[in-house]
Amino acid sequence: MRKKHALLIAAFFIIYLMTFLPNFGIMNELKFIGFLPQALAWVLLLNAINTVIIFIVYFKFFKPFAQNVEEKMLKNEKEGKQT
């Protein structure tokens, strides 16, 4: 599970860094993909992929962690009131 989490986070940061390629002249030609310039289409595509990755990471890792912490807090609160 940790390996999968690490791969997802690494993929996120690699794709995030790739969004800066048009600033360095890579994927920055005056071609149009549909009605968007190539650089804008590239960045929008990578941002869409990153959004999907972040939702996967949130629902698989952070949401269960927050629920476990909340359950422990409620359990401790109930134990404190019973004594």
PDB file of N, CA and C in Angstrom:
ATOM      1  N   MET A   1       0.825  -1.190   0.000  1.00  0.00           N
ATOM      2  CA  MET A   1       0.000   0.000   0.000  1.00  0.00           C
ATOM      3  C   MET A   1       0.872   1.258   0.000  1.00  0.00           C
ATOM      4  N   ARG A   2       1.949   1.239   0.757  1.00  0.00           N
ATOM      5  CA  ARG A   2       2.830   2.402   0.783  1.00  0.00           C
ATOM      6  C   ARG A   2       3.492   2.623  -0.570  1.00  0.00           C
ATOM      7  N   LYS A   3       3.814   1.514  -1.245  1.00  0.00           N
ATOM      8  CA  LYS A   3       4.459   1.633  -2.549  1.00  0.00           C
ATOM      9  C   LYS A   3       3.504   2.271  -3.562  1.00  0.00           C
ATOM     10  N   LYS A   4       2.239   1.864  -3.517  1.00  0.00           N
ATOM     11  CA  LYS A   4       1.243   2.444  -4.419  1.00  0.00           C
ATOM     12  C   LYS A   4       1.053   3.926  -4.118  1.00  0.00           C
ATOM     13  N   HIS A   5       0.996   4.256  -2.843  1.00  0.00           N
ATOM     14  CA  HIS A   5       0.847   5.651  -2.439  1.00  0.00           C
ATOM     15  C   HIS A   5       2.044   6.464  -2.926  1.00  0.00           C
ATOM     16  N   ALA A   6       3.241   5.928  -2.747  1.00  0.00           N
ATOM     17  CA  ALA A   6       4.444   6.627  -3.191  1.00  0.00           C
ATOM     18  C   ALA A   6       4.451   6.810  -4.707  1.00  0.00           C
ATOM     19  N   LEU A   7       3.999   5.806  -5.438  1.00  0.00           N
ATOM     20  CA  LEU A   7       3.953   5.922  -6.896  1.00  0.00           C
ATOM     21  C   LEU A   7       2.948   6.982  -7.347  1.00  0.00           C
ATOM     22  N   LEU A   8       1.793   7.035  -6.676  1.00  0.00           N
ATOM     23  CA  LEU A   8       0.791   8.045  -7.029  1.00  0.00           C
ATOM     24  C   LEU A   8       1.302   9.457  -6.746  1.00  0.00           C
ATOM     25  N   ILE A   9       1.937   9.639  -5.611  1.00  0.00           N
ATOM     26  CA  ILE A   9       2.473  10.956  -5.270  1.00  0.00           C
ATOM     27  C   ILE A   9       3.609  11.329  -6.220  1.00  0.00           C
ATOM     28  N   ALA A  10       4.470  10.372  -6.548  1.00  0.00           N
ATOM     29  CA  ALA A  10       5.557  10.640  -7.490  1.00  0.00           C
ATOM     30  C   ALA A  10       4.999  11.000  -8.863  1.00  0.00           C
ATOM     31  N   ALA A  11       3.979  10.282  -9.307  1.00  0.00           N
ATOM     32  CA  ALA A  11       3.349  10.599 -10.595  1.00  0.00           C
ATOM     33  C   ALA A  11       2.763  12.003 -10.573  1.00  0.00           C
ATOM     34  N   PHE A  12       2.142  12.364  -9.459  1.00  0.00           N
ATOM     35  CA  PHE A  12       1.577  13.710  -9.341  1.00  0.00           C
ATOM     36  C   PHE A  12       2.653  14.769  -9.523  1.00  0.00           C
ATOM     37  N   PHE A  13       3.772  14.628  -8.806  1.00  0.00           N
ATOM     38  CA  PHE A  13       4.813  15.651  -8.876  1.00  0.00           C
ATOM     39  C   PHE A  13       5.517  15.674 -10.230  1.00  0.00           C
ATOM     40  N   ILE A  14       5.696  14.518 -10.851  1.00  0.00           N
ATOM     41  CA  ILE A  14       6.303  14.485 -12.186  1.00  0.00           C
ATOM     42  C   ILE A  14       5.398  15.184 -13.194  1.00  0.00           C
ATOM     43  N   ILE A  15       4.108  14.883 -13.142  1.00  0.00           N
ATOM     44  CA  ILE A  15       3.172  15.533 -14.063  1.00  0.00           C
ATOM     45  C   ILE A  15       3.080  17.023 -13.764  1.00  0.00           C
ATOM     46  N   TYR A  16       3.124  17.377 -12.481  1.00  0.00           N
ATOM     47  CA  TYR A  16       3.100  18.796 -12.116  1.00  0.00           C
ATOM     48  C   TYR A  16       4.313  19.510 -12.697  1.00  0.00           C
ATOM     49  N   LEU A  17       5.481  18.904 -12.609  1.00  0.00           N
ATOM     50  CA  LEU A  17       6.678  19.519 -13.182  1.00  0.00           C
ATOM     51  C   LEU A  17       6.587  19.618 -14.705  1.00  0.00           C
ATOM     52  N   MET A  18       5.909  18.666 -15.325  1.00  0.00           N
ATOM     53  CA  MET A  18       5.756  18.705 -16.782  1.00  0.00           C
ATOM     54  C   MET A  18       4.880  19.873 -17.231  1.00  0.00           C
ATOM     55  N   THR A  19       4.047  20.411 -16.342  1.00  0.00           N
ATOM     56  CA  THR A  19       3.228  21.564 -16.718  1.00  0.00           C
ATOM     57  C   THR A  19       4.082  22.804 -16.947  1.00  0.00           C
ATOM     58  N   PHE A  20       5.323  22.802 -16.463  1.00  0.00           N
ATOM     59  CA  PHE A  20       6.211  23.948 -16.649  1.00  0.00           C
ATOM     60  C   PHE A  20       7.027  23.865 -17.940  1.00  0.00           C
ATOM     61  N   LEU A  21       6.917  22.767 -18.681  1.00  0.00           N
ATOM     62  CA  LEU A  21       7.689  22.619 -19.910  1.00  0.00           C
ATOM     63  C   LEU A  21       7.449  23.744 -20.920  1.00  0.00           C
ATOM     64  N   PRO A  22       6.212  24.223 -21.107  1.00  0.00           N
ATOM     65  CA  PRO A  22       6.032  25.334 -22.055  1.00  0.00           C
ATOM     66  C   PRO A  22       6.810  26.586 -21.664  1.00  0.00           C
ATOM     67  N   ASN A  23       7.099  26.781 -20.394  1.00  0.00           N
ATOM     68  CA  ASN A  23       7.891  27.939 -19.967  1.00  0.00           C
ATOM     69  C   ASN A  23       9.331  27.848 -20.439  1.00  0.00           C
ATOM     70  N   PHE A  24       9.796  26.633 -20.732  1.00  0.00           N
ATOM     71  CA  PHE A  24      11.166  26.431 -21.183  1.00  0.00           C
ATOM     72  C   PHE A  24      11.245  26.170 -22.686  1.00  0.00           C
ATOM     73  N   GLY A  25      10.161  26.408 -23.408  1.00  0.00           N
ATOM     74  CA  GLY A  25      10.153  26.278 -24.857  1.00  0.00           C
ATOM     75  C   GLY A  25       9.834  24.883 -25.363  1.00  0.00           C
ATOM     76  N   ILE A  26       9.525  23.957 -24.486  1.00  0.00           N
ATOM     77  CA  ILE A  26       9.166  22.600 -24.885  1.00  0.00           C
ATOM     78  C   ILE A  26       7.644  22.517 -24.912  1.00  0.00           C
ATOM     79  N   MET A  27       7.081  21.934 -25.949  1.00  0.00           N
ATOM     80  CA  MET A  27       5.619  21.870 -26.139  1.00  0.00           C
ATOM     81  C   MET A  27       5.028  23.278 -26.187  1.00  0.00           C
ATOM     82  N   ASN A  28       5.740  24.195 -26.837  1.00  0.00           N
ATOM     83  CA  ASN A  28       5.306  25.584 -26.868  1.00  0.00           C
ATOM     84  C   ASN A  28       5.317  26.119 -28.298  1.00  0.00           C
ATOM     85  N   GLU A  29       4.813  25.338 -29.219  1.00  0.00           N
ATOM     86  CA  GLU A  29       4.764  25.775 -30.610  1.00  0.00           C
ATOM     87  C   GLU A  29       3.422  26.450 -30.885  1.00  0.00           C
ATOM     88  N   LEU A  30       3.372  27.163 -31.979  1.00  0.00           N
ATOM     89  CA  LEU A  30       2.124  27.838 -32.334  1.00  0.00           C
ATOM     90  C   LEU A  30       1.206  26.917 -33.130  1.00  0.00           C
ATOM     91  N   LYS A  31       1.068  25.707 -32.672  1.00  0.00           N
ATOM     92  CA  LYS A  31       0.114  24.765 -33.249  1.00  0.00           C
ATOM     93  C   LYS A  31      -1.153  24.839 -32.417  1.00  0.00           C
ATOM     94  N   PHE A  32      -2.243  24.524 -33.046  1.00  0.00           N
ATOM     95  CA  PHE A  32      -3.509  24.510 -32.323  1.00  0.00           C
ATOM     96  C   PHE A  32      -4.032  23.086 -32.254  1.00  0.00           C
ATOM     97  N   ILE A  33      -4.458  22.694 -31.075  1.00  0.00           N
ATOM     98  CA  ILE A  33      -5.099  21.403 -30.865  1.00  0.00           C
ATOM     99  C   ILE A  33      -6.567  21.728 -30.609  1.00  0.00           C
ATOM    100  N   GLY A  34      -7.375  21.479 -31.605  1.00  0.00           N
ATOM    101  CA  GLY A  34      -8.760  21.940 -31.523  1.00  0.00           C
ATOM    102  C   GLY A  34      -8.754  23.446 -31.645  1.00  0.00           C
ATOM    103  N   PHE A  35      -9.257  24.130 -30.665  1.00  0.00           N
ATOM    104  CA  PHE A  35      -9.242  25.592 -30.671  1.00  0.00           C
ATOM    105  C   PHE A  35      -8.276  26.151 -29.628  1.00  0.00           C
ATOM    106  N   LEU A  36      -7.492  25.265 -28.990  1.00  0.00           N
ATOM    107  CA  LEU A  36      -6.546  25.690 -27.959  1.00  0.00           C
ATOM    108  C   LEU A  36      -5.123  25.674 -28.494  1.00  0.00           C
ATOM    109  N   PRO A  37      -4.302  26.629 -28.086  1.00  0.00           N
ATOM    110  CA  PRO A  37      -2.879  26.549 -28.429  1.00  0.00           C
ATOM    111  C   PRO A  37      -2.260  25.307 -27.777  1.00  0.00           C
ATOM    112  N   GLN A  38      -1.201  24.797 -28.373  1.00  0.00           N
ATOM    113  CA  GLN A  38      -0.597  23.552 -27.900  1.00  0.00           C
ATOM    114  C   GLN A  38      -0.192  23.637 -26.428  1.00  0.00           C
ATOM    115  N   ALA A  39       0.423  24.744 -26.024  1.00  0.00           N
ATOM    116  CA  ALA A  39       0.881  24.867 -24.635  1.00  0.00           C
ATOM    117  C   ALA A  39      -0.298  24.814 -23.661  1.00  0.00           C
ATOM    118  N   LEU A  40      -1.380  25.505 -23.981  1.00  0.00           N
ATOM    119  CA  LEU A  40      -2.549  25.501 -23.103  1.00  0.00           C
ATOM    120  C   LEU A  40      -3.198  24.126 -23.053  1.00  0.00           C
ATOM    121  N   ALA A  41      -3.307  23.482 -24.207  1.00  0.00           N
ATOM    122  CA  ALA A  41      -3.885  22.129 -24.244  1.00  0.00           C
ATOM    123  C   ALA A  41      -3.043  21.168 -23.409  1.00  0.00           C
ATOM    124  N   TRP A  42      -1.727  21.281 -23.494  1.00  0.00           N
ATOM    125  CA  TRP A  42      -0.806  20.431 -22.731  1.00  0.00           C
ATOM    126  C   TRP A  42      -1.018  20.633 -21.236  1.00  0.00           C
ATOM    127  N   VAL A  43      -1.041  21.860 -20.788  1.00  0.00           N
ATOM    128  CA  VAL A  43      -1.181  22.153 -19.360  1.00  0.00           C
ATOM    129  C   VAL A  43      -2.558  21.725 -18.854  1.00  0.00           C
ATOM    130  N   LEU A  44      -3.594  21.964 -19.625  1.00  0.00           N
ATOM    131  CA  LEU A  44      -4.943  21.561 -19.200  1.00  0.00           C
ATOM    132  C   LEU A  44      -5.065  20.044 -19.093  1.00  0.00           C
ATOM    133  N   LEU A  45      -4.480  19.322 -20.034  1.00  0.00           N
ATOM    134  CA  LEU A  45      -4.505  17.861 -19.978  1.00  0.00           C
ATOM    135  C   LEU A  45      -3.778  17.350 -18.735  1.00  0.00           C
ATOM    136  N   LEU A  46      -2.594  17.889 -18.476  1.00  0.00           N
ATOM    137  CA  LEU A  46      -1.836  17.441 -17.303  1.00  0.00           C
ATOM    138  C   LEU A  46      -2.538  17.810 -16.005  1.00  0.00           C
ATOM    139  N   ASN A  47      -3.169  18.965 -15.965  1.00  0.00           N
ATOM    140  CA  ASN A  47      -3.910  19.344 -14.759  1.00  0.00           C
ATOM    141  C   ASN A  47      -5.125  18.447 -14.541  1.00  0.00           C
ATOM    142  N   ALA A  48      -5.761  18.022 -15.610  1.00  0.00           N
ATOM    143  CA  ALA A  48      -6.890  17.088 -15.471  1.00  0.00           C
ATOM    144  C   ALA A  48      -6.409  15.750 -14.923  1.00  0.00           C
ATOM    145  N   ILE A  49      -5.274  15.267 -15.407  1.00  0.00           N
ATOM    146  CA  ILE A  49      -4.705  14.011 -14.900  1.00  0.00           C
ATOM    147  C   ILE A  49      -4.345  14.158 -13.426  1.00  0.00           C
ATOM    148  N   ASN A  50      -3.741  15.280 -13.056  1.00  0.00           N
ATOM    149  CA  ASN A  50      -3.384  15.519 -11.657  1.00  0.00           C
ATOM    150  C   ASN A  50      -4.610  15.590 -10.761  1.00  0.00           C
ATOM    151  N   THR A  51      -5.686  16.161 -11.248  1.00  0.00           N
ATOM    152  CA  THR A  51      -6.920  16.228 -10.462  1.00  0.00           C
ATOM    153  C   THR A  51      -7.436  14.830 -10.166  1.00  0.00           C
ATOM    154  N   VAL A  52      -7.414  13.961 -11.140  1.00  0.00           N
ATOM    155  CA  VAL A  52      -7.848  12.574 -10.932  1.00  0.00           C
ATOM    156  C   VAL A  52      -6.936  11.886  -9.917  1.00  0.00           C
ATOM    157  N   ILE A  53      -5.626  12.085 -10.034  1.00  0.00           N
ATOM    158  CA  ILE A  53      -4.686  11.464  -9.091  1.00  0.00           C
ATOM    159  C   ILE A  53      -4.946  11.941  -7.670  1.00  0.00           C
ATOM    160  N   ILE A  54      -5.185  13.227  -7.498  1.00  0.00           N
ATOM    161  CA  ILE A  54      -5.416  13.767  -6.154  1.00  0.00           C
ATOM    162  C   ILE A  54      -6.702  13.213  -5.561  1.00  0.00           C
ATOM    163  N   PHE A  55      -7.754  13.055  -6.349  1.00  0.00           N
ATOM    164  CA  PHE A  55      -8.985  12.460  -5.837  1.00  0.00           C
ATOM    165  C   PHE A  55      -8.750  11.007  -5.419  1.00  0.00           C
ATOM    166  N   ILE A  56      -7.977  10.263  -6.204  1.00  0.00           N
ATOM    167  CA  ILE A  56      -7.666   8.870  -5.845  1.00  0.00           C
ATOM    168  C   ILE A  56      -6.907   8.824  -4.530  1.00  0.00           C
ATOM    169  N   VAL A  57      -5.890   9.663  -4.395  1.00  0.00           N
ATOM    170  CA  VAL A  57      -5.088   9.682  -3.165  1.00  0.00           C
ATOM    171  C   VAL A  57      -5.955  10.076  -1.976  1.00  0.00           C
ATOM    172  N   TYR A  58      -6.818  11.067  -2.144  1.00  0.00           N
ATOM    173  CA  TYR A  58      -7.661  11.509  -1.039  1.00  0.00           C
ATOM    174  C   TYR A  58      -8.594  10.403  -0.565  1.00  0.00           C
ATOM    175  N   PHE A  59      -9.319   9.790  -1.505  1.00  0.00           N
ATOM    176  CA  PHE A  59     -10.309   8.797  -1.098  1.00  0.00           C
ATOM    177  C   PHE A  59      -9.684   7.485  -0.648  1.00  0.00           C
ATOM    178  N   LYS A  60      -8.502   7.130  -1.124  1.00  0.00           N
ATOM    179  CA  LYS A  60      -7.890   5.858  -0.728  1.00  0.00           C
ATOM    180  C   LYS A  60      -7.058   5.970   0.540  1.00  0.00           C
ATOM    181  N   PHE A  61      -6.481   7.144   0.810  1.00  0.00           N
ATOM    182  CA  PHE A  61      -5.526   7.240   1.903  1.00  0.00           C
ATOM    183  C   PHE A  61      -5.920   8.243   2.975  1.00  0.00           C
ATOM    184  N   PHE A  62      -6.255   9.471   2.598  1.00  0.00           N
ATOM    185  CA  PHE A  62      -6.484  10.495   3.604  1.00  0.00           C
ATOM    186  C   PHE A  62      -7.858  10.408   4.255  1.00  0.00           C
ATOM    187  N   LYS A  63      -8.877  10.080   3.505  1.00  0.00           N
ATOM    188  CA  LYS A  63     -10.220   9.988   4.082  1.00  0.00           C
ATOM    189  C   LYS A  63     -10.310   8.859   5.112  1.00  0.00           C
ATOM    190  N   PRO A  64      -9.814   7.643   4.817  1.00  0.00           N
ATOM    191  CA  PRO A  64      -9.842   6.596   5.850  1.00  0.00           C
ATOM    192  C   PRO A  64      -9.020   6.970   7.087  1.00  0.00           C
ATOM    193  N   PHE A  65      -7.901   7.652   6.886  1.00  0.00           N
ATOM    194  CA  PHE A  65      -7.084   8.086   8.016  1.00  0.00           C
ATOM    195  C   PHE A  65      -7.871   9.055   8.894  1.00  0.00           C
ATOM    196  N   ALA A  66      -8.551  10.010   8.289  1.00  0.00           N
ATOM    197  CA  ALA A  66      -9.337  10.980   9.055  1.00  0.00           C
ATOM    198  C   ALA A  66     -10.486  10.298   9.783  1.00  0.00           C
ATOM    199  N   GLN A  67     -11.096   9.317   9.153  1.00  0.00           N
ATOM    200  CA  GLN A  67     -12.189   8.594   9.813  1.00  0.00           C
ATOM    201  C   GLN A  67     -11.674   7.789  11.003  1.00  0.00           C
ATOM    202  N   ASN A  68     -10.511   7.159  10.884  1.00  0.00           N
ATOM    203  CA  ASN A  68      -9.927   6.414  12.002  1.00  0.00           C
ATOM    204  C   ASN A  68      -9.599   7.337  13.162  1.00  0.00           C
ATOM    205  N   VAL A  69      -9.051   8.488  12.874  1.00  0.00           N
ATOM    206  CA  VAL A  69      -8.726   9.449  13.935  1.00  0.00           C
ATOM    207  C   VAL A  69     -10.004   9.921  14.612  1.00  0.00           C
ATOM    208  N   GLU A  70     -11.041  10.195  13.836  1.00  0.00           N
ATOM    209  CA  GLU A  70     -12.308  10.636  14.413  1.00  0.00           C
ATOM    210  C   GLU A  70     -12.911   9.557  15.311  1.00  0.00           C
ATOM    211  N   GLU A  71     -12.857   8.292  14.875  1.00  0.00           N
ATOM    212  CA  GLU A  71     -13.381   7.195  15.691  1.00  0.00           C
ATOM    213  C   GLU A  71     -12.608   7.072  17.002  1.00  0.00           C
ATOM    214  N   LYS A  72     -11.290   7.205  16.948  1.00  0.00           N
ATOM    215  CA  LYS A  72     -10.483   7.132  18.170  1.00  0.00           C
ATOM    216  C   LYS A  72     -10.799   8.283  19.106  1.00  0.00           C
ATOM    217  N   MET A  73     -11.008   9.483  18.535  1.00  0.00           N
ATOM    218  CA  MET A  73     -11.335  10.638  19.367  1.00  0.00           C
ATOM    219  C   MET A  73     -12.686  10.439  20.052  1.00  0.00           C
ATOM    220  N   LEU A  74     -13.676   9.941  19.309  1.00  0.00           N
ATOM    221  CA  LEU A  74     -14.993   9.696  19.900  1.00  0.00           C
ATOM    222  C   LEU A  74     -14.920   8.609  20.967  1.00  0.00           C
ATOM    223  N   LYS A  75     -14.123   7.572  20.720  1.00  0.00           N
ATOM    224  CA  LYS A  75     -13.961   6.490  21.691  1.00  0.00           C
ATOM    225  C   LYS A  75     -13.321   7.017  22.974  1.00  0.00           C
ATOM    226  N   ASN A  76     -12.289   7.832  22.826  1.00  0.00           N
ATOM    227  CA  ASN A  76     -11.637   8.413  23.999  1.00  0.00           C
ATOM    228  C   ASN A  76     -12.570   9.359  24.748  1.00  0.00           C
ATOM    229  N   GLU A  77     -13.383  10.095  24.014  1.00  0.00           N
ATOM    230  CA  GLU A  77     -14.320  11.016  24.652  1.00  0.00           C
ATOM    231  C   GLU A  77     -15.374  10.253  25.449  1.00  0.00           C
ATOM    232  N   LYS A  78     -15.880   9.139  24.884  1.00  0.00           N
ATOM    233  CA  LYS A  78     -16.872   8.339  25.599  1.00  0.00           C
ATOM    234  C   LYS A  78     -16.265   7.694  26.833  1.00  0.00           C
ATOM    235  N   GLU A  79     -15.037   7.210  26.737  1.00  0.00           N
ATOM    236  CA  GLU A  79     -14.359   6.614  27.902  1.00  0.00           C
ATOM    237  C   GLU A  79     -14.144   7.645  28.984  1.00  0.00           C
ATOM    238  N   GLY A  80     -13.843   8.871  28.606  1.00  0.00           N
ATOM    239  CA  GLY A  80     -13.619   9.944  29.576  1.00  0.00           C
ATOM    240  C   GLY A  80     -14.891  10.318  30.299  1.00  0.00           C
ATOM    241  N   LYS A  81     -16.028  10.278  29.636  1.00  0.00           N
ATOM    242  CA  LYS A  81     -17.310  10.644  30.256  1.00  0.00           C
ATOM    243  C   LYS A  81     -17.821   9.538  31.165  1.00  0.00           C
ATOM    244  N   GLN A  82     -17.473   8.291  30.899  1.00  0.00           N
ATOM    245  CA  GLN A  82     -17.967   7.171  31.700  1.00  0.00           C
ATOM    246  C   GLN A  82     -17.290   7.095  33.062  1.00  0.00           C
ATOM    247  N   THR A  83     -16.100   7.603  33.198  1.00  0.00           N
ATOM    248  CA  THR A  83     -15.401   7.502  34.484  1.00  0.00           C
ATOM    249  C   THR A  83     -15.764   8.581  35.431  1.00  0.00           C
TER     250      THR A  83
END
